[in-house]
Amino acid sequence: MSGTPIYRDYGQDALDLQYNARSAVPDHAALIEAWTSDSIRVRQDLSCRLDVAFGPSADETLDIFPADAAATPGPAPVQVFFHGGYWRAFHKDDFSFTARAFAPRGAAVVVVNYALIPTVDMDELVRQCRAALAWVHRNAASFGGDADRVFVSGHSAGGHLVATMMATDWPAFDGLPDDIVKGGCSVSGLFDLEPVRLSYLNGELNLGADDVARHSPLLLEPRVAAPLILAVGGDESDEFHRHGAELAATWGSKGADCRPMVMAGLNHFSILEGLRDPDSALARAIHDQMGLG
């Protein structure tokens, strides 16, 4: 690879290209616009509670889409979604569309918002996401959810947050049970923050070596004995494939139930279209994990 290697065999330009997903997908703007437009329709079409506060700052809010009562006989499993954007972009409002894959099939959906870097650092961003999940566990009954069946999913940086939630010491964090997460799905997740730190992204993220050590799931212990789907698009960069493969191998060697899922023909953005369609392969894999019919 061209240039003096700064990470593995990658020179600076090559490494930056590995993590510049937008440059590899010419129609990414149209896909993102479709997410936003569909999210507006979802908030109009489905029952929802919007902008529910789970913490003291204006960014610590979440949206709740209760399960279709006709599809579930009692308290519903809960799917909590963390959005991507390299920890520095997007908002929960852009991802209401994910409720389409679950609420009509009998799961309550919670879409989490969090403060973005550089307004906060990675420590605070992760703390907010943990606080959101703790809130869901404690308040699930208030929206017809089952606190004993909480699942997590997320895309890109949100996929990183999924693994982080599954590596959290919940008793130490907030006096919660070890097993508050019953399963996860990381879509195009990032689990090794060292190459991110060395890439163009760090001009905004400002990650240090200590941040890499604290927040790279590859360097953390899986704390939750629950299945983790590791989905990646077949057309994504080599580095996105490496992240999932290495987490599966590393956590699998420690007893974690990691389930790689390479989705042929999909890129970093089109893979998330699966959460607009409850009959997609990605949605069905999560349904199976949740025990949805």
C-alpha atoms as a PDB file:
ATOM      1  CA  MET A   1       0.000   0.000   0.000  1.00  0.00           C
ATOM      2  CA  SER A   2       1.277   3.492  -0.840  1.00  0.00           C
ATOM      3  CA  GLY A   3       2.861   5.841   1.658  1.00  0.00           C
ATOM      4  CA  THR A   4       4.868   5.204   4.793  1.00  0.00           C
ATOM      5  CA  PRO A   5       2.879   2.728   6.908  1.00  0.00           C
ATOM      6  CA  ILE A   6       1.316   4.258  10.014  1.00  0.00           C
ATOM      7  CA  TYR A   7      -1.038   1.396  10.869  1.00  0.00           C
ATOM      8  CA  ARG A   8      -0.420  -2.173   9.730  1.00  0.00           C
ATOM      9  CA  ASP A   9       0.418  -1.797   6.028  1.00  0.00           C
ATOM     10  CA  TYR A  10      -1.590   1.387   5.543  1.00  0.00           C
ATOM     11  CA  GLY A  11      -0.065   4.756   4.763  1.00  0.00           C
ATOM     12  CA  GLN A  12      -2.040   7.844   5.802  1.00  0.00           C
ATOM     13  CA  ASP A  13      -4.017   8.216   2.574  1.00  0.00           C
ATOM     14  CA  ALA A  14      -4.839   4.513   2.409  1.00  0.00           C
ATOM     15  CA  LEU A  15      -5.915   4.408   6.035  1.00  0.00           C
ATOM     16  CA  ASP A  16      -8.100   7.472   5.613  1.00  0.00           C
ATOM     17  CA  LEU A  17      -9.745   5.873   2.596  1.00  0.00           C
ATOM     18  CA  GLN A  18     -10.583   2.744   4.599  1.00  0.00           C
ATOM     19  CA  TYR A  19     -12.628   4.843   7.033  1.00  0.00           C
ATOM     20  CA  ASN A  20     -14.129   7.299   4.541  1.00  0.00           C
ATOM     21  CA  ALA A  21     -17.276   5.291   3.870  1.00  0.00           C
ATOM     22  CA  ARG A  22     -18.995   8.157   2.087  1.00  0.00           C
ATOM     23  CA  SER A  23     -16.308   8.388  -0.602  1.00  0.00           C
ATOM     24  CA  ALA A  24     -16.931   4.736  -1.478  1.00  0.00           C
ATOM     25  CA  VAL A  25     -20.702   5.158  -1.888  1.00  0.00           C
ATOM     26  CA  PRO A  26     -21.617   7.832  -4.469  1.00  0.00           C
ATOM     27  CA  ASP A  27     -25.327   7.728  -3.593  1.00  0.00           C
ATOM     28  CA  HIS A  28     -24.862   7.903   0.190  1.00  0.00           C
ATOM     29  CA  ALA A  29     -26.572  11.319   0.392  1.00  0.00           C
ATOM     30  CA  ALA A  30     -29.746   9.948  -1.206  1.00  0.00           C
ATOM     31  CA  LEU A  31     -29.803   7.019   1.210  1.00  0.00           C
ATOM     32  CA  ILE A  32     -29.372   9.309   4.216  1.00  0.00           C
ATOM     33  CA  GLU A  33     -32.115  11.605   2.935  1.00  0.00           C
ATOM     34  CA  ALA A  34     -34.405   8.582   2.576  1.00  0.00           C
ATOM     35  CA  TRP A  35     -33.722   7.640   6.218  1.00  0.00           C
ATOM     36  CA  THR A  36     -34.635  11.152   7.369  1.00  0.00           C
ATOM     37  CA  SER A  37     -37.774  11.365   5.234  1.00  0.00           C
ATOM     38  CA  ASP A  38     -38.987   7.931   6.263  1.00  0.00           C
ATOM     39  CA  SER A  39     -38.308   8.756   9.909  1.00  0.00           C
ATOM     40  CA  ILE A  40     -40.676  11.708   9.683  1.00  0.00           C
ATOM     41  CA  ARG A  41     -43.364   9.411   8.283  1.00  0.00           C
ATOM     42  CA  VAL A  42     -42.748   6.802  10.988  1.00  0.00           C
ATOM     43  CA  ARG A  43     -43.306   9.381  13.721  1.00  0.00           C
ATOM     44  CA  GLN A  44     -46.602  10.212  12.018  1.00  0.00           C
ATOM     45  CA  ASP A  45     -47.676   6.620  11.342  1.00  0.00           C
ATOM     46  CA  LEU A  46     -46.723   4.811  14.544  1.00  0.00           C
ATOM     47  CA  SER A  47     -47.650   5.406  18.144  1.00  0.00           C
ATOM     48  CA  CYS A  48     -44.714   7.079  19.868  1.00  0.00           C
ATOM     49  CA  ARG A  49     -43.454   9.041  22.850  1.00  0.00           C
ATOM     50  CA  LEU A  50     -40.864  11.549  21.702  1.00  0.00           C
ATOM     51  CA  ASP A  51     -37.990  13.369  23.389  1.00  0.00           C
ATOM     52  CA  VAL A  52     -38.202  11.495  26.679  1.00  0.00           C
ATOM     53  CA  ALA A  53     -35.409  12.695  28.980  1.00  0.00           C
ATOM     54  CA  PHE A  54     -33.093  10.088  30.494  1.00  0.00           C
ATOM     55  CA  GLY A  55     -30.452  12.528  31.743  1.00  0.00           C
ATOM     56  CA  PRO A  56     -29.918  16.181  32.652  1.00  0.00           C
ATOM     57  CA  SER A  57     -28.644  17.604  29.345  1.00  0.00           C
ATOM     58  CA  ALA A  58     -30.713  18.553  26.315  1.00  0.00           C
ATOM     59  CA  ASP A  59     -29.067  15.834  24.226  1.00  0.00           C
ATOM     60  CA  GLU A  60     -29.943  13.009  26.635  1.00  0.00           C
ATOM     61  CA  THR A  61     -33.304  12.065  25.176  1.00  0.00           C
ATOM     62  CA  LEU A  62     -34.888   9.049  23.536  1.00  0.00           C
ATOM     63  CA  ASP A  63     -37.927   8.186  21.460  1.00  0.00           C
ATOM     64  CA  ILE A  64     -40.174   5.241  22.291  1.00  0.00           C
ATOM     65  CA  PHE A  65     -42.268   3.311  19.774  1.00  0.00           C
ATOM     66  CA  PRO A  66     -44.438   0.837  21.716  1.00  0.00           C
ATOM     67  CA  ALA A  67     -45.036  -2.608  20.294  1.00  0.00           C
ATOM     68  CA  ASP A  68     -48.173  -3.235  18.278  1.00  0.00           C
ATOM     69  CA  ALA A  69     -50.478  -4.640  20.946  1.00  0.00           C
ATOM     70  CA  ALA A  70     -52.035  -7.029  18.447  1.00  0.00           C
ATOM     71  CA  ALA A  71     -48.648  -8.676  17.839  1.00  0.00           C
ATOM     72  CA  THR A  72     -47.699  -9.383  21.457  1.00  0.00           C
ATOM     73  CA  PRO A  73     -49.851 -10.872  24.246  1.00  0.00           C
ATOM     74  CA  GLY A  74     -48.058  -9.198  27.170  1.00  0.00           C
ATOM     75  CA  PRO A  75     -44.975  -7.181  28.042  1.00  0.00           C
ATOM     76  CA  ALA A  76     -42.984  -6.809  24.836  1.00  0.00           C
ATOM     77  CA  PRO A  77     -39.284  -7.337  24.202  1.00  0.00           C
ATOM     78  CA  VAL A  78     -37.432  -4.058  23.732  1.00  0.00           C
ATOM     79  CA  GLN A  79     -35.034  -3.151  20.927  1.00  0.00           C
ATOM     80  CA  VAL A  80     -32.760  -0.187  21.752  1.00  0.00           C
ATOM     81  CA  PHE A  81     -31.054   1.446  18.761  1.00  0.00           C
ATOM     82  CA  PHE A  82     -27.880   3.590  18.844  1.00  0.00           C
ATOM     83  CA  HIS A  83     -27.217   5.666  15.733  1.00  0.00           C
ATOM     84  CA  GLY A  84     -23.917   6.080  13.938  1.00  0.00           C
ATOM     85  CA  GLY A  85     -22.096   9.062  12.478  1.00  0.00           C
ATOM     86  CA  TYR A  86     -18.572   8.478  13.786  1.00  0.00           C
ATOM     87  CA  TRP A  87     -19.689   9.767  17.205  1.00  0.00           C
ATOM     88  CA  ARG A  88     -19.808  13.293  15.750  1.00  0.00           C
ATOM     89  CA  ALA A  89     -22.887  13.435  13.500  1.00  0.00           C
ATOM     90  CA  PHE A  90     -26.608  12.668  13.235  1.00  0.00           C
ATOM     91  CA  HIS A  91     -29.443  12.671  15.738  1.00  0.00           C
ATOM     92  CA  LYS A  92     -32.026  10.156  16.891  1.00  0.00           C
ATOM     93  CA  ASP A  93     -34.640  11.907  14.730  1.00  0.00           C
ATOM     94  CA  ASP A  94     -32.831  10.623  11.628  1.00  0.00           C
ATOM     95  CA  PHE A  95     -33.350   6.988  12.673  1.00  0.00           C
ATOM     96  CA  SER A  96     -37.001   6.627  13.676  1.00  0.00           C
ATOM     97  CA  PHE A  97     -37.316   4.446  10.571  1.00  0.00           C
ATOM     98  CA  THR A  98     -35.733   1.566  12.501  1.00  0.00           C
ATOM     99  CA  ALA A  99     -39.024   1.159  14.356  1.00  0.00           C
ATOM    100  CA  ARG A 100     -40.559  -0.222  11.140  1.00  0.00           C
ATOM    101  CA  ALA A 101     -38.581  -3.442  11.518  1.00  0.00           C
ATOM    102  CA  PHE A 102     -39.778  -4.225  15.034  1.00  0.00           C
ATOM    103  CA  ALA A 103     -42.823  -2.397  16.433  1.00  0.00           C
ATOM    104  CA  PRO A 104     -45.353  -3.972  14.026  1.00  0.00           C
ATOM    105  CA  ARG A 105     -43.878  -7.410  14.855  1.00  0.00           C
ATOM    106  CA  GLY A 106     -44.363  -7.086  18.602  1.00  0.00           C
ATOM    107  CA  ALA A 107     -41.264  -5.348  19.966  1.00  0.00           C
ATOM    108  CA  ALA A 108     -41.045  -1.954  21.604  1.00  0.00           C
ATOM    109  CA  VAL A 109     -38.360   0.231  20.024  1.00  0.00           C
ATOM    110  CA  VAL A 110     -36.252   2.882  21.738  1.00  0.00           C
ATOM    111  CA  VAL A 111     -34.070   5.186  19.616  1.00  0.00           C
ATOM    112  CA  VAL A 112     -31.378   6.890  21.697  1.00  0.00           C
ATOM    113  CA  ASN A 113     -29.903  10.347  21.296  1.00  0.00           C
ATOM    114  CA  TYR A 114     -26.569  11.349  22.810  1.00  0.00           C
ATOM    115  CA  ALA A 115     -24.292  14.383  22.786  1.00  0.00           C
ATOM    116  CA  LEU A 116     -21.771  14.400  19.965  1.00  0.00           C
ATOM    117  CA  ILE A 117     -18.024  14.846  19.961  1.00  0.00           C
ATOM    118  CA  PRO A 118     -16.522  17.506  20.202  1.00  0.00           C
ATOM    119  CA  THR A 119     -19.214  18.952  22.487  1.00  0.00           C
ATOM    120  CA  VAL A 120     -18.393  16.030  24.814  1.00  0.00           C
ATOM    121  CA  ASP A 121     -15.552  13.523  24.890  1.00  0.00           C
ATOM    122  CA  MET A 122     -15.800   9.767  24.324  1.00  0.00           C
ATOM    123  CA  ASP A 123     -16.008   9.069  28.058  1.00  0.00           C
ATOM    124  CA  GLU A 124     -19.120  11.211  28.415  1.00  0.00           C
ATOM    125  CA  LEU A 125     -20.693   9.970  25.185  1.00  0.00           C
ATOM    126  CA  VAL A 126     -20.381   6.348  26.343  1.00  0.00           C
ATOM    127  CA  ARG A 127     -21.634   7.246  29.816  1.00  0.00           C
ATOM    128  CA  GLN A 128     -24.754   8.803  28.306  1.00  0.00           C
ATOM    129  CA  CYS A 129     -25.477   5.695  26.253  1.00  0.00           C
ATOM    130  CA  ARG A 130     -25.060   3.497  29.320  1.00  0.00           C
ATOM    131  CA  ALA A 131     -27.399   5.815  31.223  1.00  0.00           C
ATOM    132  CA  ALA A 132     -29.975   5.504  28.428  1.00  0.00           C
ATOM    133  CA  LEU A 133     -29.879   1.718  28.608  1.00  0.00           C
ATOM    134  CA  ALA A 134     -30.138   1.816  32.410  1.00  0.00           C
ATOM    135  CA  TRP A 135     -33.201   4.084  32.036  1.00  0.00           C
ATOM    136  CA  VAL A 136     -34.805   1.624  29.611  1.00  0.00           C
ATOM    137  CA  HIS A 137     -34.227  -1.278  31.999  1.00  0.00           C
ATOM    138  CA  ARG A 138     -35.801   0.592  34.903  1.00  0.00           C
ATOM    139  CA  ASN A 139     -38.694   2.097  32.930  1.00  0.00           C
ATOM    140  CA  ALA A 140     -39.585  -0.606  30.405  1.00  0.00           C
ATOM    141  CA  ALA A 141     -42.923  -1.343  32.077  1.00  0.00           C
ATOM    142  CA  SER A 142     -44.006   2.279  31.560  1.00  0.00           C
ATOM    143  CA  PHE A 143     -44.249   1.696  27.793  1.00  0.00           C
ATOM    144  CA  GLY A 144     -45.341  -1.945  27.837  1.00  0.00           C
ATOM    145  CA  GLY A 145     -41.820  -3.333  27.606  1.00  0.00           C
ATOM    146  CA  ASP A 146     -40.257  -6.289  29.379  1.00  0.00           C
ATOM    147  CA  ALA A 147     -37.179  -5.277  31.402  1.00  0.00           C
ATOM    148  CA  ASP A 148     -35.972  -8.875  31.248  1.00  0.00           C
ATOM    149  CA  ARG A 149     -35.902  -8.844  27.436  1.00  0.00           C
ATOM    150  CA  VAL A 150     -33.874  -5.797  26.404  1.00  0.00           C
ATOM    151  CA  PHE A 151     -31.806  -6.043  23.189  1.00  0.00           C
ATOM    152  CA  VAL A 152     -29.477  -3.524  21.571  1.00  0.00           C
ATOM    153  CA  SER A 153     -28.575  -2.659  17.997  1.00  0.00           C
ATOM    154  CA  GLY A 154     -26.624   0.073  16.283  1.00  0.00           C
ATOM    155  CA  HIS A 155     -24.911   1.077  13.066  1.00  0.00           C
ATOM    156  CA  SER A 156     -21.255   2.068  12.543  1.00  0.00           C
ATOM    157  CA  ALA A 157     -20.320   4.126  15.626  1.00  0.00           C
ATOM    158  CA  GLY A 158     -23.607   2.843  17.037  1.00  0.00           C
ATOM    159  CA  GLY A 159     -22.325  -0.663  16.408  1.00  0.00           C
ATOM    160  CA  HIS A 160     -19.311   0.237  18.538  1.00  0.00           C
ATOM    161  CA  LEU A 161     -21.710   1.372  21.261  1.00  0.00           C
ATOM    162  CA  VAL A 162     -23.559  -1.961  21.077  1.00  0.00           C
ATOM    163  CA  ALA A 163     -20.357  -3.852  21.872  1.00  0.00           C
ATOM    164  CA  THR A 164     -19.504  -1.314  24.559  1.00  0.00           C
ATOM    165  CA  MET A 165     -22.866  -1.950  26.223  1.00  0.00           C
ATOM    166  CA  MET A 166     -22.115  -5.674  26.181  1.00  0.00           C
ATOM    167  CA  ALA A 167     -18.718  -5.021  27.781  1.00  0.00           C
ATOM    168  CA  THR A 168     -20.154  -2.858  30.580  1.00  0.00           C
ATOM    169  CA  ASP A 169     -19.947  -3.825  34.235  1.00  0.00           C
ATOM    170  CA  TRP A 170     -23.581  -3.000  34.972  1.00  0.00           C
ATOM    171  CA  PRO A 171     -23.479  -3.645  38.729  1.00  0.00           C
ATOM    172  CA  ALA A 172     -20.555  -1.218  39.023  1.00  0.00           C
ATOM    173  CA  PHE A 173     -22.070   1.338  36.642  1.00  0.00           C
ATOM    174  CA  ASP A 174     -25.510   1.678  38.196  1.00  0.00           C
ATOM    175  CA  GLY A 175     -26.211  -1.225  40.532  1.00  0.00           C
ATOM    176  CA  LEU A 176     -27.969  -3.163  37.779  1.00  0.00           C
ATOM    177  CA  PRO A 177     -27.952  -6.903  37.049  1.00  0.00           C
ATOM    178  CA  ASP A 178     -25.098  -8.273  34.938  1.00  0.00           C
ATOM    179  CA  ASP A 179     -27.498  -9.481  32.277  1.00  0.00           C
ATOM    180  CA  ILE A 180     -29.624  -6.450  31.433  1.00  0.00           C
ATOM    181  CA  VAL A 181     -28.724  -6.956  27.743  1.00  0.00           C
ATOM    182  CA  LYS A 182     -30.168 -10.165  26.317  1.00  0.00           C
ATOM    183  CA  GLY A 183     -28.684  -9.843  22.829  1.00  0.00           C
ATOM    184  CA  GLY A 184     -27.134  -7.403  20.396  1.00  0.00           C
ATOM    185  CA  CYS A 185     -26.668  -6.649  16.724  1.00  0.00           C
ATOM    186  CA  SER A 186     -23.757  -4.490  15.624  1.00  0.00           C
ATOM    187  CA  VAL A 187     -24.144  -3.363  12.022  1.00  0.00           C
ATOM    188  CA  SER A 188     -20.843  -2.272  10.432  1.00  0.00           C
ATOM    189  CA  GLY A 189     -19.411  -1.746  13.900  1.00  0.00           C
ATOM    190  CA  LEU A 190     -16.026  -0.321  14.890  1.00  0.00           C
ATOM    191  CA  PHE A 191     -14.229  -2.216  17.635  1.00  0.00           C
ATOM    192  CA  ASP A 192     -10.599  -1.098  17.361  1.00  0.00           C
ATOM    193  CA  LEU A 193     -10.207   2.645  17.917  1.00  0.00           C
ATOM    194  CA  GLU A 194      -6.453   2.793  17.265  1.00  0.00           C
ATOM    195  CA  PRO A 195      -6.735   3.128  13.461  1.00  0.00           C
ATOM    196  CA  VAL A 196      -9.558   5.625  13.975  1.00  0.00           C
ATOM    197  CA  ARG A 197      -7.218   7.656  16.199  1.00  0.00           C
ATOM    198  CA  LEU A 198      -4.577   7.594  13.471  1.00  0.00           C
ATOM    199  CA  SER A 199      -6.990   8.553  10.681  1.00  0.00           C
ATOM    200  CA  TYR A 200      -8.348  11.876   9.438  1.00  0.00           C
ATOM    201  CA  LEU A 201     -11.284  11.431  11.814  1.00  0.00           C
ATOM    202  CA  ASN A 202      -9.201  12.281  14.843  1.00  0.00           C
ATOM    203  CA  GLY A 203      -9.070  15.924  13.840  1.00  0.00           C
ATOM    204  CA  GLU A 204     -12.560  16.105  15.343  1.00  0.00           C
ATOM    205  CA  LEU A 205     -12.619  13.111  17.671  1.00  0.00           C
ATOM    206  CA  ASN A 206      -9.396  13.993  19.505  1.00  0.00           C
ATOM    207  CA  LEU A 207      -8.931  10.457  20.781  1.00  0.00           C
ATOM    208  CA  GLY A 208      -5.864   9.695  22.866  1.00  0.00           C
ATOM    209  CA  ALA A 209      -4.201   6.377  23.612  1.00  0.00           C
ATOM    210  CA  ASP A 210      -6.091   6.187  26.905  1.00  0.00           C
ATOM    211  CA  ASP A 211      -9.419   6.606  25.048  1.00  0.00           C
ATOM    212  CA  VAL A 212      -8.436   3.765  22.732  1.00  0.00           C
ATOM    213  CA  ALA A 213      -7.674   1.543  25.720  1.00  0.00           C
ATOM    214  CA  ARG A 214     -10.908   2.366  27.567  1.00  0.00           C
ATOM    215  CA  HIS A 215     -13.307   2.246  24.642  1.00  0.00           C
ATOM    216  CA  SER A 216     -12.047  -0.327  22.119  1.00  0.00           C
ATOM    217  CA  PRO A 217     -14.239  -3.423  22.524  1.00  0.00           C
ATOM    218  CA  LEU A 218     -11.381  -5.540  21.138  1.00  0.00           C
ATOM    219  CA  LEU A 219      -9.446  -4.639  24.285  1.00  0.00           C
ATOM    220  CA  LEU A 220     -12.386  -5.143  26.661  1.00  0.00           C
ATOM    221  CA  GLU A 221     -13.911  -8.222  28.221  1.00  0.00           C
ATOM    222  CA  PRO A 222     -17.386  -9.351  27.120  1.00  0.00           C
ATOM    223  CA  ARG A 223     -19.440  -8.958  30.302  1.00  0.00           C
ATOM    224  CA  VAL A 224     -22.837 -10.070  28.998  1.00  0.00           C
ATOM    225  CA  ALA A 225     -23.467 -13.741  28.208  1.00  0.00           C
ATOM    226  CA  ALA A 226     -25.751 -12.996  25.277  1.00  0.00           C
ATOM    227  CA  PRO A 227     -25.582 -13.533  21.505  1.00  0.00           C
ATOM    228  CA  LEU A 228     -24.051 -10.775  19.392  1.00  0.00           C
ATOM    229  CA  ILE A 229     -24.729 -10.532  15.653  1.00  0.00           C
ATOM    230  CA  LEU A 230     -21.832  -8.889  13.812  1.00  0.00           C
ATOM    231  CA  ALA A 231     -23.247  -7.776  10.465  1.00  0.00           C
ATOM    232  CA  VAL A 232     -21.131  -6.155   7.748  1.00  0.00           C
ATOM    233  CA  GLY A 233     -21.822  -5.376   4.116  1.00  0.00           C
ATOM    234  CA  GLY A 234     -19.925  -7.416   1.559  1.00  0.00           C
ATOM    235  CA  ASP A 235     -18.943  -4.205  -0.249  1.00  0.00           C
ATOM    236  CA  GLU A 236     -17.526  -2.442   2.811  1.00  0.00           C
ATOM    237  CA  SER A 237     -13.815  -1.710   3.200  1.00  0.00           C
ATOM    238  CA  ASP A 238     -11.304  -4.283   4.389  1.00  0.00           C
ATOM    239  CA  GLU A 239     -11.018  -2.513   7.728  1.00  0.00           C
ATOM    240  CA  PHE A 240     -14.743  -2.758   8.469  1.00  0.00           C
ATOM    241  CA  HIS A 241     -14.543  -6.480   7.723  1.00  0.00           C
ATOM    242  CA  ARG A 242     -11.478  -6.813   9.971  1.00  0.00           C
ATOM    243  CA  HIS A 243     -13.199  -5.146  12.919  1.00  0.00           C
ATOM    244  CA  GLY A 244     -16.021  -7.676  12.946  1.00  0.00           C
ATOM    245  CA  ALA A 245     -13.831 -10.697  12.253  1.00  0.00           C
ATOM    246  CA  GLU A 246     -11.349  -9.807  14.999  1.00  0.00           C
ATOM    247  CA  LEU A 247     -14.059  -9.128  17.572  1.00  0.00           C
ATOM    248  CA  ALA A 248     -15.716 -12.447  16.743  1.00  0.00           C
ATOM    249  CA  ALA A 249     -12.401 -14.268  17.171  1.00  0.00           C
ATOM    250  CA  THR A 250     -11.290 -12.395  20.287  1.00  0.00           C
ATOM    251  CA  TRP A 251     -14.571 -12.430  22.164  1.00  0.00           C
ATOM    252  CA  GLY A 252     -15.385 -15.913  20.884  1.00  0.00           C
ATOM    253  CA  SER A 253     -12.168 -17.198  22.477  1.00  0.00           C
ATOM    254  CA  LYS A 254     -13.484 -15.796  25.764  1.00  0.00           C
ATOM    255  CA  GLY A 255     -16.789 -17.624  25.519  1.00  0.00           C
ATOM    256  CA  ALA A 256     -18.917 -14.936  23.896  1.00  0.00           C
ATOM    257  CA  ASP A 257     -21.580 -16.025  21.412  1.00  0.00           C
ATOM    258  CA  CYS A 258     -20.559 -13.950  18.371  1.00  0.00           C
ATOM    259  CA  ARG A 259     -22.370 -14.541  15.090  1.00  0.00           C
ATOM    260  CA  PRO A 260     -20.708 -12.990  12.001  1.00  0.00           C
ATOM    261  CA  MET A 261     -23.058 -12.081   9.176  1.00  0.00           C
ATOM    262  CA  VAL A 262     -21.553 -10.866   5.871  1.00  0.00           C
ATOM    263  CA  MET A 263     -24.289  -9.406   3.675  1.00  0.00           C
ATOM    264  CA  ALA A 264     -23.343  -9.702   0.014  1.00  0.00           C
ATOM    265  CA  GLY A 265     -23.797  -6.714  -2.275  1.00  0.00           C
ATOM    266  CA  LEU A 266     -24.389  -4.196   0.509  1.00  0.00           C
ATOM    267  CA  ASN A 267     -22.259  -1.196   1.440  1.00  0.00           C
ATOM    268  CA  HIS A 268     -21.868   0.842   4.612  1.00  0.00           C
ATOM    269  CA  PHE A 269     -25.139   2.687   4.008  1.00  0.00           C
ATOM    270  CA  SER A 270     -27.330   0.253   2.079  1.00  0.00           C
ATOM    271  CA  ILE A 271     -26.895  -2.369   4.811  1.00  0.00           C
ATOM    272  CA  LEU A 272     -29.008  -0.234   7.149  1.00  0.00           C
ATOM    273  CA  GLU A 273     -31.899  -0.326   4.687  1.00  0.00           C
ATOM    274  CA  GLY A 274     -32.589  -3.714   6.272  1.00  0.00           C
ATOM    275  CA  LEU A 275     -34.040  -1.931   9.276  1.00  0.00           C
ATOM    276  CA  ARG A 276     -36.655  -0.245   7.096  1.00  0.00           C
ATOM    277  CA  ASP A 277     -38.018  -3.654   6.074  1.00  0.00           C
ATOM    278  CA  PRO A 278     -39.222  -6.173   8.673  1.00  0.00           C
ATOM    279  CA  ASP A 279     -38.828  -8.956   6.093  1.00  0.00           C
ATOM    280  CA  SER A 280     -35.166  -8.245   5.308  1.00  0.00           C
ATOM    281  CA  ALA A 281     -32.471 -10.772   6.212  1.00  0.00           C
ATOM    282  CA  LEU A 282     -31.029  -8.376   8.792  1.00  0.00           C
ATOM    283  CA  ALA A 283     -34.380  -7.732  10.479  1.00  0.00           C
ATOM    284  CA  ARG A 284     -35.233 -11.443  10.487  1.00  0.00           C
ATOM    285  CA  ALA A 285     -31.914 -12.284  12.170  1.00  0.00           C
ATOM    286  CA  ILE A 286     -32.707  -9.823  14.941  1.00  0.00           C
ATOM    287  CA  HIS A 287     -36.296 -11.112  15.193  1.00  0.00           C
ATOM    288  CA  ASP A 288     -34.916 -14.609  15.715  1.00  0.00           C
ATOM    289  CA  GLN A 289     -32.593 -13.328  18.417  1.00  0.00           C
ATOM    290  CA  MET A 290     -35.528 -11.650  20.169  1.00  0.00           C
ATOM    291  CA  GLY A 291     -37.863 -14.614  19.797  1.00  0.00           C
ATOM    292  CA  LEU A 292     -40.356 -12.703  17.652  1.00  0.00           C
ATOM    293  CA  GLY A 293     -42.702 -14.793  15.559  1.00  0.00           C
END
